Amino acid sequence: MAYWIKINYERDNLVYVVDLDRISAFSLSWNSRLTLYLTDSDQTLVLTEQSEPDAYQKVMDYIEKHTGHSLR
């Protein structure tokens, strides 16, 4: 079952609707920047708690729920 979220990506002034089940990788840097690597693309999305708090938390919850691991 697909898990879709909406991300208002301020860097490009775009809105993305992303199926988290199709993300190839997630990473969390030391400064809490969450990077989503889009499947079949060289493009990445970078989220921070300040820029898009709802999407950031949804992705973190998704990772914990579906993998049993926390990125923090």
C-alpha atoms as a PDB file:
ATOM      1  CA  MET A   1       0.000   0.000   0.000  1.00  0.00           C
ATOM      2  CA  ALA A   2       1.358   3.406  -0.970  1.00  0.00           C
ATOM      3  CA  TYR A   3       2.167   6.015   1.671  1.00  0.00           C
ATOM      4  CA  TRP A   4       1.853   9.449   0.073  1.00  0.00           C
ATOM      5  CA  ILE A   5       2.866  12.789   1.609  1.00  0.00           C
ATOM      6  CA  LYS A   6       2.780  16.355   0.313  1.00  0.00           C
ATOM      7  CA  ILE A   7       5.966  18.420   0.545  1.00  0.00           C
ATOM      8  CA  ASN A   8       6.060  22.172  -0.093  1.00  0.00           C
ATOM      9  CA  TYR A   9       9.649  22.390  -1.284  1.00  0.00           C
ATOM     10  CA  GLU A  10      10.697  25.991  -0.741  1.00  0.00           C
ATOM     11  CA  ARG A  11      14.101  25.656  -2.407  1.00  0.00           C
ATOM     12  CA  ASP A  12      12.500  25.327  -5.868  1.00  0.00           C
ATOM     13  CA  ASN A  13       9.135  26.837  -4.920  1.00  0.00           C
ATOM     14  CA  LEU A  14       7.460  23.549  -5.888  1.00  0.00           C
ATOM     15  CA  VAL A  15       4.999  21.150  -4.315  1.00  0.00           C
ATOM     16  CA  TYR A  16       5.820  17.442  -4.407  1.00  0.00           C
ATOM     17  CA  VAL A  17       3.507  14.553  -3.683  1.00  0.00           C
ATOM     18  CA  VAL A  18       5.807  11.683  -2.792  1.00  0.00           C
ATOM     19  CA  ASP A  19       5.135   7.966  -2.289  1.00  0.00           C
ATOM     20  CA  LEU A  20       7.503   7.108   0.559  1.00  0.00           C
ATOM     21  CA  ASP A  21       7.352   3.425  -0.406  1.00  0.00           C
ATOM     22  CA  ARG A  22       9.185   4.387  -3.628  1.00  0.00           C
ATOM     23  CA  ILE A  23      12.061   6.310  -2.005  1.00  0.00           C
ATOM     24  CA  SER A  24      15.333   4.456  -2.581  1.00  0.00           C
ATOM     25  CA  ALA A  25      17.143   5.793   0.530  1.00  0.00           C
ATOM     26  CA  PHE A  26      16.859   8.188   3.443  1.00  0.00           C
ATOM     27  CA  SER A  27      19.690   9.865   5.335  1.00  0.00           C
ATOM     28  CA  LEU A  28      19.882  12.170   8.321  1.00  0.00           C
ATOM     29  CA  SER A  29      22.916  14.427   8.702  1.00  0.00           C
ATOM     30  CA  TRP A  30      24.401  15.683  11.981  1.00  0.00           C
ATOM     31  CA  ASN A  31      22.531  18.991  11.599  1.00  0.00           C
ATOM     32  CA  SER A  32      19.132  17.207  11.292  1.00  0.00           C
ATOM     33  CA  ARG A  33      18.834  17.636   7.527  1.00  0.00           C
ATOM     34  CA  LEU A  34      16.751  14.740   6.227  1.00  0.00           C
ATOM     35  CA  THR A  35      17.549  13.750   2.646  1.00  0.00           C
ATOM     36  CA  LEU A  36      15.204  11.657   0.488  1.00  0.00           C
ATOM     37  CA  TYR A  37      16.722  10.001  -2.576  1.00  0.00           C
ATOM     38  CA  LEU A  38      14.064   9.696  -5.261  1.00  0.00           C
ATOM     39  CA  THR A  39      13.802   6.382  -7.094  1.00  0.00           C
ATOM     40  CA  ASP A  40      14.863   6.390 -10.757  1.00  0.00           C
ATOM     41  CA  SER A  41      16.197   9.925 -10.449  1.00  0.00           C
ATOM     42  CA  ASP A  42      19.357  11.779  -9.549  1.00  0.00           C
ATOM     43  CA  GLN A  43      17.246  14.274  -7.648  1.00  0.00           C
ATOM     44  CA  THR A  44      17.109  14.520  -3.862  1.00  0.00           C
ATOM     45  CA  LEU A  45      14.793  16.359  -1.515  1.00  0.00           C
ATOM     46  CA  VAL A  46      16.235  17.874   1.658  1.00  0.00           C
ATOM     47  CA  LEU A  47      13.919  18.579   4.578  1.00  0.00           C
ATOM     48  CA  THR A  48      14.570  20.269   7.881  1.00  0.00           C
ATOM     49  CA  GLU A  49      12.331  20.580  10.899  1.00  0.00           C
ATOM     50  CA  GLN A  50      12.236  24.334  10.362  1.00  0.00           C
ATOM     51  CA  SER A  51      11.457  24.346   6.635  1.00  0.00           C
ATOM     52  CA  GLU A  52       8.719  21.709   6.506  1.00  0.00           C
ATOM     53  CA  PRO A  53       7.982  20.387  10.029  1.00  0.00           C
ATOM     54  CA  ASP A  54       4.909  18.291   9.120  1.00  0.00           C
ATOM     55  CA  ALA A  55       6.552  16.448   6.226  1.00  0.00           C
ATOM     56  CA  TYR A  56       9.762  16.009   8.228  1.00  0.00           C
ATOM     57  CA  GLN A  57       7.892  14.343  11.100  1.00  0.00           C
ATOM     58  CA  LYS A  58       5.805  12.169   8.764  1.00  0.00           C
ATOM     59  CA  VAL A  59       8.958  10.852   7.082  1.00  0.00           C
ATOM     60  CA  MET A  60      10.654  10.167  10.428  1.00  0.00           C
ATOM     61  CA  ASP A  61       7.527   8.350  11.698  1.00  0.00           C
ATOM     62  CA  TYR A  62       7.306   6.370   8.456  1.00  0.00           C
ATOM     63  CA  ILE A  63      10.932   5.220   8.763  1.00  0.00           C
ATOM     64  CA  GLU A  64      10.465   4.102  12.373  1.00  0.00           C
ATOM     65  CA  LYS A  65       7.164   2.339  11.663  1.00  0.00           C
ATOM     66  CA  HIS A  66       8.284   0.493   8.525  1.00  0.00           C
ATOM     67  CA  THR A  67      11.871  -0.377   9.456  1.00  0.00           C
ATOM     68  CA  GLY A  68      11.808  -0.526  13.233  1.00  0.00           C
ATOM     69  CA  HIS A  69      14.846   1.771  13.262  1.00  0.00           C
ATOM     70  CA  SER A  70      15.240   5.435  14.090  1.00  0.00           C
ATOM     71  CA  LEU A  71      17.550   7.753  12.180  1.00  0.00           C
ATOM     72  CA  ARG A  72      18.110   9.821  15.339  1.00  0.00           C
END
